[in-house]
Amino acid sequence: MAQTRTLPGGDLSECLLIRLADGREAVAKSGPAPRMEAAMLAAIAGSGAPAPAVLAVDDTVLVLERLSDAGAPAPVELGRAVARLHAVSGARYGWHADYAFGPVTIANAWSDDWPAFWAERRLLCHAGHVPGALMRRLEAVAADLKNRLPARPRPALLHGDLWGGNVLSDGVRVTGLIDPACTHGHAEVDCAMLALFGRPGPRFCEAYGPPEPGEAERAAIYKLWPALVHLRLFGAAYCGMVEGLLEAAGV
């Protein structure tokens, strides 16, 4: 095995392109929990959605097949892939263990109450890590989630970090959904994340399926989680995004 070069995009983990003894190229990456990431990729692949095959894993490194990423996004195929992913249901909300985005813990303890899960594990967990004025507004949103979110949406299998950079495509098909932070939860969470830094467009929406009533009103609440993570990881430049989402949520 010989290292060839560092791959771009490794904000939270180092990614290297390596060449195996048989001549194949693979991706080796570090991370907070390589074995858990491997299990998440297996769960995605098990749903029928595309994911890279795990070639090797231990407590420090994950080695994955290298997938083509040479083309523009394929919105119809992405819509179908995400629909397949979300068709898998869990018994409860959460995941088998906590995870992390770098130093930011992702608390995943199981719950039967979706608004409580989102309030406690995705909003109130940022207390002490964001400015006090923002935290008070987050507390106001969290206190009202029982009136804003469905109590028991189907616990769909979520990618958990579904933005455009984690979707690989060769221009015709989606070749892989990468860098997951899986949980079971309301399917709208992934769809909101996908629209945080761009819009998947009408072709994606047609392929994915019709929205649930009230989806547009819930989108800002679901976008708050990744925006808060970005604020904690990358600094005050993301305060405006969080404030804008709070305003969109009416707080």
Protein backbone atom coordinates (compact mmCIF):
# COMPACT_ATOMS: atom_id res chain seq x y z
CA MET A 1 0.00 0.00 0.00
CA ALA A 2 1.36 3.46 -0.91
CA GLN A 3 -0.04 6.85 0.03
CA THR A 4 -0.65 9.04 -3.01
CA ARG A 5 -2.20 12.29 -1.81
CA THR A 6 -4.38 14.05 0.73
CA LEU A 7 -7.97 14.51 -0.35
CA PRO A 8 -9.78 17.84 0.09
CA GLY A 9 -12.70 18.39 2.43
CA GLY A 10 -11.24 16.92 5.61
CA ASP A 11 -12.44 19.59 8.04
CA LEU A 12 -13.05 17.10 10.85
CA SER A 13 -10.95 14.12 9.77
CA GLU A 14 -7.92 13.46 7.61
CA CYS A 15 -8.64 11.74 4.30
CA LEU A 16 -5.93 10.13 2.20
CA LEU A 17 -6.10 8.57 -1.24
CA ILE A 18 -4.11 5.35 -1.11
CA ARG A 19 -3.18 2.69 -3.64
CA LEU A 20 -3.65 -0.93 -2.59
CA ALA A 21 -1.31 -3.77 -3.46
CA ASP A 22 -3.66 -4.92 -6.24
CA GLY A 23 -3.59 -1.47 -7.86
CA ARG A 24 -7.00 -0.30 -6.69
CA GLU A 25 -7.38 3.14 -5.14
CA ALA A 26 -9.06 3.51 -1.78
CA VAL A 27 -9.78 6.24 0.75
CA ALA A 28 -8.35 6.06 4.26
CA LYS A 29 -9.82 8.42 6.82
CA SER A 30 -9.55 9.09 10.50
CA GLY A 31 -12.53 10.10 12.60
CA PRO A 32 -14.15 10.06 16.02
CA ALA A 33 -15.33 6.44 15.77
CA PRO A 34 -14.30 4.54 12.62
CA ARG A 35 -16.09 1.34 13.59
CA MET A 36 -19.33 3.22 14.19
CA GLU A 37 -19.01 5.04 10.88
CA ALA A 38 -18.50 1.69 9.18
CA ALA A 39 -21.71 0.42 10.79
CA MET A 40 -23.58 3.51 9.63
CA LEU A 41 -22.35 3.04 6.06
CA ALA A 42 -23.49 -0.58 6.24
CA ALA A 43 -26.93 0.58 7.39
CA ILE A 44 -27.15 3.00 4.46
CA ALA A 45 -26.09 0.32 1.99
CA GLY A 46 -28.56 -2.09 3.57
CA SER A 47 -31.38 0.32 2.77
CA GLY A 48 -30.56 0.13 -0.93
CA ALA A 49 -29.07 3.62 -1.02
CA PRO A 50 -25.51 3.86 -2.40
CA ALA A 51 -22.59 3.92 0.03
CA PRO A 52 -18.89 3.06 -0.25
CA ALA A 53 -17.90 -0.47 0.70
CA VAL A 54 -15.80 -0.79 3.86
CA LEU A 55 -12.49 -2.46 2.99
CA ALA A 56 -10.94 -2.35 6.46
CA VAL A 57 -11.59 -0.71 9.81
CA ASP A 58 -10.07 -0.53 13.28
CA ASP A 59 -10.26 1.91 16.19
CA THR A 60 -8.22 4.59 14.40
CA VAL A 61 -8.83 4.37 10.65
CA LEU A 62 -11.51 3.47 8.13
CA VAL A 63 -10.58 2.31 4.61
CA LEU A 64 -13.27 2.68 1.95
CA GLU A 65 -13.57 1.93 -1.72
CA ARG A 66 -13.01 4.98 -3.85
CA LEU A 67 -16.16 6.05 -5.67
CA SER A 68 -16.49 8.18 -8.77
CA ASP A 69 -17.27 11.82 -8.07
CA ALA A 70 -16.55 13.22 -11.50
CA GLY A 71 -19.94 14.58 -12.46
CA ALA A 72 -22.56 17.13 -11.55
CA PRO A 73 -25.25 16.22 -9.01
CA ALA A 74 -27.96 13.84 -10.20
CA PRO A 75 -31.11 15.19 -8.51
CA VAL A 76 -33.52 12.49 -9.65
CA GLU A 77 -31.20 9.69 -8.52
CA LEU A 78 -30.54 11.52 -5.25
CA GLY A 79 -34.26 11.81 -4.60
CA ARG A 80 -34.69 8.09 -5.18
CA ALA A 81 -31.67 7.22 -3.02
CA VAL A 82 -32.84 9.33 -0.08
CA ALA A 83 -36.35 7.87 -0.39
CA ARG A 84 -34.87 4.36 -0.15
CA LEU A 85 -32.86 5.37 2.90
CA HIS A 86 -35.87 6.88 4.63
CA ALA A 87 -38.06 3.87 3.86
CA VAL A 88 -36.14 1.98 6.57
CA SER A 89 -37.85 2.43 9.94
CA GLY A 90 -36.56 2.05 13.48
CA ALA A 91 -38.52 1.30 16.63
CA ARG A 92 -37.56 4.55 18.41
CA TYR A 93 -35.78 7.87 17.87
CA GLY A 94 -32.01 7.94 18.24
CA TRP A 95 -29.14 5.57 17.60
CA HIS A 96 -27.24 2.76 19.29
CA ALA A 97 -24.60 5.15 20.66
CA ASP A 98 -23.61 8.79 20.75
CA TYR A 99 -21.46 10.14 17.92
CA ALA A 100 -19.63 13.41 17.27
CA PHE A 101 -18.76 16.09 14.77
CA GLY A 102 -15.20 16.69 15.92
CA PRO A 103 -15.51 18.09 19.47
CA VAL A 104 -19.30 18.49 19.23
CA THR A 105 -21.08 15.51 20.77
CA ILE A 106 -24.15 14.12 19.00
CA ALA A 107 -26.33 12.74 21.78
CA ASN A 108 -28.42 9.83 20.49
CA ALA A 109 -30.03 8.20 23.54
CA TRP A 110 -33.26 6.46 22.53
CA SER A 111 -36.55 8.27 22.96
CA ASP A 112 -40.23 7.65 22.18
CA ASP A 113 -41.04 11.37 22.12
CA TRP A 114 -39.82 13.14 18.99
CA PRO A 115 -40.29 16.78 20.10
CA ALA A 116 -38.49 15.98 23.36
CA PHE A 117 -35.67 14.27 21.47
CA TRP A 118 -35.19 17.28 19.19
CA ALA A 119 -35.41 19.73 22.07
CA GLU A 120 -32.99 17.93 24.39
CA ARG A 121 -30.53 16.27 22.00
CA ARG A 122 -30.38 18.87 19.21
CA LEU A 123 -31.18 22.32 20.66
CA LEU A 124 -30.81 22.56 24.44
CA CYS A 125 -27.55 20.59 24.31
CA HIS A 126 -25.80 23.74 23.06
CA ALA A 127 -26.22 25.57 26.38
CA GLY A 128 -22.88 27.00 27.46
CA HIS A 129 -21.51 26.83 23.91
CA VAL A 130 -23.42 29.63 22.15
CA PRO A 131 -24.09 33.27 23.11
CA GLY A 132 -26.65 33.74 25.86
CA ALA A 133 -29.08 35.74 23.72
CA LEU A 134 -29.18 32.96 21.12
CA MET A 135 -29.58 30.32 23.81
CA ARG A 136 -32.62 32.07 25.26
CA ARG A 137 -34.26 32.05 21.84
CA LEU A 138 -33.38 28.38 21.41
CA GLU A 139 -34.97 27.64 24.77
CA ALA A 140 -38.15 29.39 23.58
CA VAL A 141 -38.23 27.22 20.44
CA ALA A 142 -37.56 24.05 22.45
CA ALA A 143 -40.35 24.84 24.91
CA ASP A 144 -42.87 25.02 22.07
CA LEU A 145 -41.79 22.01 20.00
CA LYS A 146 -44.75 19.92 21.16
CA ASN A 147 -46.90 22.39 19.19
CA ARG A 148 -44.56 22.60 16.20
CA LEU A 149 -43.35 19.05 15.53
CA PRO A 150 -45.30 15.82 15.17
CA ALA A 151 -45.27 13.79 18.36
CA ARG A 152 -44.57 10.44 16.70
CA PRO A 153 -43.40 10.67 13.11
CA ARG A 154 -42.17 7.41 11.62
CA PRO A 155 -38.55 6.87 12.86
CA ALA A 156 -36.88 6.87 9.44
CA LEU A 157 -33.22 5.98 8.98
CA LEU A 158 -31.45 9.33 8.58
CA HIS A 159 -28.05 10.04 7.06
CA GLY A 160 -27.67 12.82 9.63
CA ASP A 161 -25.27 15.10 7.72
CA LEU A 162 -26.85 15.18 4.28
CA TRP A 163 -25.44 18.21 2.51
CA GLY A 164 -24.16 18.37 -1.06
CA GLY A 165 -20.54 17.69 -0.11
CA ASN A 166 -21.52 14.29 1.28
CA VAL A 167 -23.22 13.20 -1.94
CA LEU A 168 -20.95 11.67 -4.60
CA SER A 169 -22.18 11.54 -8.19
CA ASP A 170 -20.79 10.64 -11.60
CA GLY A 171 -23.33 12.91 -13.29
CA VAL A 172 -25.73 10.11 -14.15
CA ARG A 173 -26.15 8.35 -10.83
CA VAL A 174 -25.41 8.96 -7.19
CA THR A 175 -22.39 6.80 -6.44
CA GLY A 176 -22.38 7.17 -2.67
CA LEU A 177 -23.68 8.92 0.42
CA ILE A 178 -20.64 9.48 2.63
CA ASP A 179 -19.64 10.82 6.08
CA PRO A 180 -22.89 9.83 7.84
CA ALA A 181 -24.04 10.64 11.34
CA CYS A 182 -27.00 8.26 11.34
CA THR A 183 -30.00 8.36 13.62
CA HIS A 184 -33.62 7.34 13.39
CA GLY A 185 -35.93 10.34 13.27
CA HIS A 186 -38.30 12.44 11.22
CA ALA A 187 -37.37 12.12 7.54
CA GLU A 188 -37.70 15.89 7.09
CA VAL A 189 -34.44 16.35 9.04
CA ASP A 190 -32.32 15.12 6.12
CA CYS A 191 -34.37 17.07 3.59
CA ALA A 192 -33.94 20.28 5.60
CA MET A 193 -30.18 19.71 5.85
CA LEU A 194 -29.97 19.15 2.10
CA ALA A 195 -31.51 22.60 1.60
CA LEU A 196 -29.34 24.42 4.16
CA PHE A 197 -26.54 25.41 1.77
CA GLY A 198 -28.50 25.08 -1.48
CA ARG A 199 -31.70 23.75 -2.96
CA PRO A 200 -32.07 20.19 -4.21
CA GLY A 201 -34.64 21.44 -6.74
CA PRO A 202 -37.99 20.23 -8.08
CA ARG A 203 -36.57 17.14 -9.78
CA PHE A 204 -35.25 15.87 -6.46
CA CYS A 205 -38.58 16.60 -4.78
CA GLU A 206 -40.55 14.81 -7.51
CA ALA A 207 -38.32 11.74 -7.25
CA TYR A 208 -38.31 11.72 -3.44
CA GLY A 209 -42.05 12.06 -3.04
CA PRO A 210 -44.61 14.63 -1.86
CA PRO A 211 -43.91 16.66 1.29
CA GLU A 212 -45.85 16.16 4.49
CA PRO A 213 -48.29 18.94 5.41
CA GLY A 214 -46.45 21.64 7.34
CA GLU A 215 -42.98 20.68 6.14
CA ALA A 216 -42.08 24.25 5.15
CA GLU A 217 -42.95 25.54 8.62
CA ARG A 218 -40.76 22.89 10.29
CA ALA A 219 -37.74 23.34 8.00
CA ALA A 220 -36.16 26.20 9.97
CA ILE A 221 -36.42 24.21 13.21
CA TYR A 222 -34.63 21.26 11.64
CA LYS A 223 -31.99 23.46 10.01
CA LEU A 224 -31.11 24.94 13.40
CA TRP A 225 -29.22 21.80 14.44
CA PRO A 226 -26.59 21.82 11.66
CA ALA A 227 -26.35 25.62 11.83
CA LEU A 228 -25.58 25.43 15.55
CA VAL A 229 -22.99 22.73 14.93
CA HIS A 230 -21.32 24.97 12.34
CA LEU A 231 -21.38 27.87 14.80
CA ARG A 232 -19.62 25.77 17.41
CA LEU A 233 -17.10 24.29 15.01
CA PHE A 234 -16.28 27.26 12.81
CA GLY A 235 -17.11 30.34 14.83
CA ALA A 236 -19.15 33.52 14.84
CA ALA A 237 -19.49 33.69 11.06
CA TYR A 238 -22.45 31.32 11.49
CA CYS A 239 -24.27 33.49 14.05
CA GLY A 240 -26.17 35.19 11.23
CA MET A 241 -27.37 31.84 9.91
CA VAL A 242 -28.64 30.78 13.34
CA GLU A 243 -30.33 34.14 13.90
CA GLY A 244 -31.99 33.96 10.49
CA LEU A 245 -33.36 30.50 11.19
CA LEU A 246 -34.69 31.62 14.58
CA GLU A 247 -36.44 34.50 12.85
CA ALA A 248 -37.87 32.10 10.27
CA ALA A 249 -39.10 29.97 13.17
CA GLY A 250 -40.86 33.02 14.59
CA VAL A 251 -38.65 33.49 17.64
